[in-house]
Every structure is written in C-alpha cells, then in structure tokens.
Amino acid sequence: VLGSLAILLLLGVGGIVAWSQIGVMPAEPAPLAGVRENAAITVEDAEQGIVLAPADGESELGLVFVPGAKVDPWAYAAILQ
C-alpha cells in the first residue's frame, strides 16, 4: 500500500511538472519587437524578472506584475509598456 501511494505521488508530481512546461504560449515577435524599439522605455532582462523603465530617468512609481497561466512573461511586455 505504501509503495502504491509513493508511485501515485511520483506520477502526480511528474504530471504537474510536465503539464507546466508543455504548451507554454510564446510571445508574438512583432509586438515584442515594438517594445524593444520603443525609445521611451528601457527593457532589461534582470535576474529578478523583466524590468521596463522610463528612458529619461527613474520613476518614483512602479508596478509589480506577476504573470500567470501558461504564457511566456515576455508576451505581457507590449501591454505593460
């Protein structure tokens, strides 16, 4: 019984990990290129995440956006710019 529960748990964890990595929607190239070409902002792929900042200096306001679902975080850059 204990062995069966261990196998069931292993299969469940493996299934969740596989599901989370298969079928992730990528960012569309054209909107992402528009973000990178926008002279009003700087785009940095930092260790903590994607940082969009004003090109003319620092701002005192910010937004922390935590992407969800099975979508590449870069796909949200065009909306958040």
Protein backbone atom coordinates (compact mmCIF):
# COMPACT_ATOMS: atom_id res chain seq x y z
CA VAL A 1 0.00 0.00 0.00
CA LEU A 2 2.79 2.40 0.92
CA GLY A 3 4.61 1.62 -2.32
CA SER A 4 1.45 2.26 -4.34
CA LEU A 5 0.96 5.63 -2.64
CA ALA A 6 4.58 6.57 -3.36
CA ILE A 7 4.20 5.67 -7.04
CA LEU A 8 0.92 7.60 -7.24
CA LEU A 9 2.54 10.65 -5.65
CA LEU A 10 5.53 10.43 -8.01
CA LEU A 11 3.25 10.18 -11.05
CA GLY A 12 1.17 13.12 -9.82
CA VAL A 13 4.19 15.36 -9.27
CA GLY A 14 5.69 14.30 -12.61
CA GLY A 15 2.41 15.03 -14.37
CA ILE A 16 2.14 18.51 -12.86
CA VAL A 17 5.73 19.35 -13.80
CA ALA A 18 5.22 18.08 -17.36
CA TRP A 19 1.92 19.98 -17.73
CA SER A 20 3.52 23.22 -16.55
CA GLN A 21 6.28 23.03 -19.18
CA ILE A 22 4.42 21.69 -22.23
CA GLY A 23 2.30 24.01 -24.32
CA VAL A 24 3.56 27.35 -22.97
CA MET A 25 2.37 30.19 -25.24
CA PRO A 26 5.34 32.21 -26.54
CA ALA A 27 5.45 35.97 -27.03
CA GLU A 28 4.50 37.17 -30.51
CA PRO A 29 7.58 38.53 -32.34
CA ALA A 30 6.04 41.73 -33.78
CA PRO A 31 4.68 43.23 -30.51
CA LEU A 32 7.87 42.23 -28.68
CA ALA A 33 9.99 43.95 -31.34
CA GLY A 34 7.86 47.07 -30.87
CA VAL A 35 8.64 47.05 -27.15
CA ARG A 36 12.37 46.71 -27.77
CA GLU A 37 12.29 49.56 -30.35
CA ASN A 38 10.31 51.93 -28.08
CA ALA A 39 12.68 54.83 -27.34
CA ALA A 40 10.58 55.96 -24.34
CA ILE A 41 11.47 52.90 -22.25
CA THR A 42 14.45 50.70 -21.44
CA VAL A 43 14.00 46.96 -21.35
CA GLU A 44 16.17 44.80 -19.10
CA ASP A 45 16.06 41.05 -18.63
CA ALA A 46 17.20 41.09 -15.00
CA GLU A 47 17.68 38.08 -12.75
CA GLN A 48 14.54 39.01 -10.81
CA GLY A 49 12.44 39.40 -13.96
CA ILE A 50 11.73 41.73 -16.85
CA VAL A 51 12.23 45.40 -15.99
CA LEU A 52 10.59 48.12 -18.09
CA ALA A 53 11.72 51.60 -17.03
CA PRO A 54 11.41 55.14 -18.39
CA ALA A 55 14.35 56.00 -20.66
CA ASP A 56 14.55 59.59 -19.40
CA GLY A 57 15.28 58.64 -15.79
CA GLU A 58 13.96 56.88 -12.77
CA SER A 59 10.37 56.95 -11.64
CA GLU A 60 9.02 57.03 -8.11
CA LEU A 61 6.09 54.79 -9.04
CA GLY A 62 6.22 51.18 -10.11
CA LEU A 63 4.16 48.13 -10.82
CA VAL A 64 4.98 44.55 -9.95
CA PHE A 65 3.24 42.25 -12.40
CA VAL A 66 3.25 38.51 -11.75
CA PRO A 67 2.32 36.70 -14.97
CA GLY A 68 0.22 33.61 -14.71
CA ALA A 69 -1.16 30.79 -16.77
CA LYS A 70 0.98 29.10 -19.36
CA VAL A 71 2.16 32.25 -21.10
CA ASP A 72 5.74 33.45 -21.59
CA PRO A 73 6.26 36.55 -19.40
CA TRP A 74 7.65 38.44 -22.43
CA ALA A 75 4.17 38.22 -24.01
CA TYR A 76 2.92 40.81 -21.48
CA ALA A 77 5.64 43.38 -22.29
CA ALA A 78 3.66 45.00 -25.12
CA ILE A 79 0.66 45.57 -22.85
CA LEU A 80 2.72 46.87 -19.95
CA GLN A 81 4.90 49.29 -21.90
